[in-house]
Amino acid sequence: MTRWPDLDEDRKLALRAAYSADPTCLTGTCSLEAKTAHFTAWLAERGVDFRAEDLYGKPRP
């Protein structure tokens, strides 16, 4: 599996666009935890390891 931070920006954008276009990705919830869990599982099916801390980008020095 490829870690999310290791993907280039074009690949991340393409995956986010594909996720938003996938009708099975409508979670029907406002819960950030549920949305993150669904996105994580969706990416895992595509060989990408995404973690909640990846939402915040790279840590600041």
Protein backbone atom coordinates (compact mmCIF):
# COMPACT_ATOMS: atom_id res chain seq x y z
CA MET A 1 0.00 0.00 0.00
CA THR A 2 1.09 3.52 -0.72
CA ARG A 3 0.83 6.05 2.09
CA TRP A 4 -1.33 9.10 1.30
CA PRO A 5 1.48 11.60 2.04
CA ASP A 6 3.71 9.80 -0.48
CA LEU A 7 1.30 10.43 -3.37
CA ASP A 8 1.89 13.40 -5.64
CA GLU A 9 -0.66 16.18 -5.62
CA ASP A 10 -2.13 15.20 -9.02
CA ARG A 11 -2.84 11.66 -7.79
CA LYS A 12 -4.43 12.97 -4.58
CA LEU A 13 -6.63 15.32 -6.58
CA ALA A 14 -7.66 12.51 -8.95
CA LEU A 15 -8.57 10.25 -6.03
CA ARG A 16 -10.58 12.99 -4.29
CA ALA A 17 -12.43 13.70 -7.54
CA ALA A 18 -13.18 10.00 -8.08
CA TYR A 19 -14.41 9.68 -4.49
CA SER A 20 -16.74 12.66 -4.81
CA ALA A 21 -18.12 11.32 -8.10
CA ASP A 22 -18.81 7.83 -6.68
CA PRO A 23 -22.48 7.61 -5.64
CA THR A 24 -21.64 4.92 -3.08
CA CYS A 25 -19.61 7.53 -1.22
CA LEU A 26 -22.61 9.53 -0.05
CA THR A 27 -22.35 8.79 3.65
CA GLY A 28 -25.56 10.56 4.68
CA THR A 29 -23.87 11.89 7.80
CA CYS A 30 -22.20 15.04 9.05
CA SER A 31 -19.88 13.03 11.29
CA LEU A 32 -16.27 13.74 10.38
CA GLU A 33 -15.28 10.44 11.98
CA ALA A 34 -17.73 8.47 9.82
CA LYS A 35 -16.71 10.33 6.66
CA THR A 36 -13.03 9.76 7.41
CA ALA A 37 -13.60 6.05 8.08
CA HIS A 38 -15.49 5.69 4.79
CA PHE A 39 -12.81 7.58 2.81
CA THR A 40 -10.09 5.47 4.48
CA ALA A 41 -11.83 2.22 3.49
CA TRP A 42 -12.50 3.49 -0.04
CA LEU A 43 -8.83 4.40 -0.50
CA ALA A 44 -7.66 1.07 0.96
CA GLU A 45 -9.57 -0.70 -1.82
CA ARG A 46 -7.41 1.32 -4.21
CA GLY A 47 -4.11 0.53 -2.52
CA VAL A 48 -3.77 3.76 -0.54
CA ASP A 49 -3.11 3.91 3.20
CA PHE A 50 -4.89 6.97 4.59
CA ARG A 51 -4.92 7.89 8.27
CA ALA A 52 -6.86 10.51 10.20
CA GLU A 53 -3.70 12.54 10.79
CA ASP A 54 -3.36 12.86 7.01
CA LEU A 55 -6.33 15.24 7.11
CA TYR A 56 -4.07 17.88 8.56
CA GLY A 57 -1.21 17.58 6.11
CA LYS A 58 2.40 17.67 7.11
CA PRO A 59 3.16 18.54 10.71
CA ARG A 60 4.54 21.99 11.29
CA PRO A 61 8.16 22.26 12.44
